[in-house]
C-alpha cells in the first residue's frame, strides 16, 4: 500500500499495515453501531428525559377527530394530523414539533406492553398519551378536530401547555387556530391545510371552565339502557354515515348481547378511564368488514377485541357498501349492592392521593382492587367516622409490590388490618421506567351510622368518552 506509506510519511511493515487497517475497520463498525442505536426503535424517546429539556414551544399532537359528517377511522385522519404538524413546524408558527408518526408507533407498542427503553413486556402499561406527556414533560399538547354541520366543516386546533398543573384547563391554552373546510375527505383537508396554513383566532369571551371545543363528557347521560337476560346493555352516542336503508338503533345489537357480556372475564382489569368508542364498517352484503377503537392514544379494555369479534358476526341488511357507524357500547352484569348490616353501620374504603418518585408508575388507574377493601371493614363494630391511613409501596420494574409499609391506628382490629394488607400487597402498578418506584397513597375509609349519611344509589355515570 504505497499510498498509505506516503500518507503516513514513512514505510510500515505488512503486519503494522494490517493492524492499522483493522483498527480503522473496528472504529467504523463502532460508529455505525452507535448511529443505528441512535436512530433505531422508531425515533424512540429517551427514558432519561430531564425536566426542562422541553419547553412550551415544543409540541406533540393528539390524534385528530372528525364529527358531524362522514365517519373516518383514526388511521384515515392521520393525513390531516400530519398536515397540521407540518404547518405548525413552519418558522412563522415558532413551534418545534415532535415526530407525530414516531409517537403513534410508540402508542401501538405501549398498548402491547412494550415501553420505551425497556426490554420485555409490561403486564400493566399506562395509557399511551399519558406516558407521552410524561416523557416529553414540559412540552405542550396539540388537540384538533373537524366539526361538520349543514354542509360546512371547521377545523379547530388548540395548543395547550402541560407544565402548569395548578393552572385551570382553559388558561393553559397558548394558541388557537381555525380553518373552514369543505365537507370532503381527510386527504383534501390535508392538502388545503398545507396550502393555506392555520389561521390564529383569539380566545372566545365565554370560554368558561372547559376552554375547549373538544367535547369530553360523560357518556350515556339520559340513556336508560335495557336489561337483557339479566344483563345491563345500552348503546350510546350512535352515529352513522353512508346510505343505510334504515335507522340503526340499539335493537340491532340485541342478538349478541349475551356473547358481548361473555367477553368480560373475571380478573380482567382495564387501567384507563376514557371509554373507547367502536367504529365499524359494513359492506354490501351487510357484513361487518372492519371494527376498531376510536382513541389510539388510550388503552382499550381487555375485552374490546373479543367484543369486536362478536360484532363482526352481526349481519345487517344488504345495501350500499362502506356504510359506517360509531357508538359506545356498555354491557355489564348487575353488581351486588352492599346492604347496611343489622348493626346500622355503613362501611366504605378507597385509596386516594397517589404519588410516586417515578410518576410513570401511577399514570393509569385501578392499581388496587377497591371492591375487595370494603368487605374487610365488616369486622369493625364501632362508628369510627372517617379515617385516613398513609400507605407506601416499594414497586419493582414490573409494577409489582416488593414491600408494603403502613401504620394502622389501634382502633382497627387485627383481622381487619390483615385483610386489608392482603389486598394492598396484591396491588399492580404501571411499570416504572426507572425499573423501581416508591408509591404513596392514603387509604380512606368511612364507618358511620346509616342515619348519619345519605346512602348513595349505584352510580349511573359511565366512563368518559370523546363525544361528537
Foldseek 3Di string as FASTA:
>chain_A
DVVVCVVVVHDDDPVVVVVVVVVVVVVVVVVVVVVCVCCPLLNFQDQPADPVPAAQLEEEEFQEAEDDAAHDARVQLVLQVVLQLVLCCDVVNSHHYDDHVSLLVQLVCLLQQNHPPDDDGFPDGAQSVLVVCVSNPNYWYKYWYWYDDPQKIKIKIWTFTPNCVPDARLVRTDWIWMDIDGSDGSNVNSVVCNVPPTHTDDQDPPCPRNNDPFDWDFWDVVPPADQDPQKGKAKTLKDKDDDDVDDDGPVLCVVCLVQLAVLDDPPFDAFAQAAWKWKWFAAQQQATPDIDTRGSSGHYGPSVVSNSVSNRPRGDHGDHGGMMMIIGIDIGHDDDDDDQDPLQKDKAKDKADKDKPQCSQANTDDQFDRVQLRVLCPPQNDFPFKDKWKKKFKAFQNQAGPDIDTDDDPSDDPSSVVSNVVRVNGGGTHGGPVGIMMMMIIMMMGIHRNVVDPDDDPDPTGGIYRHD
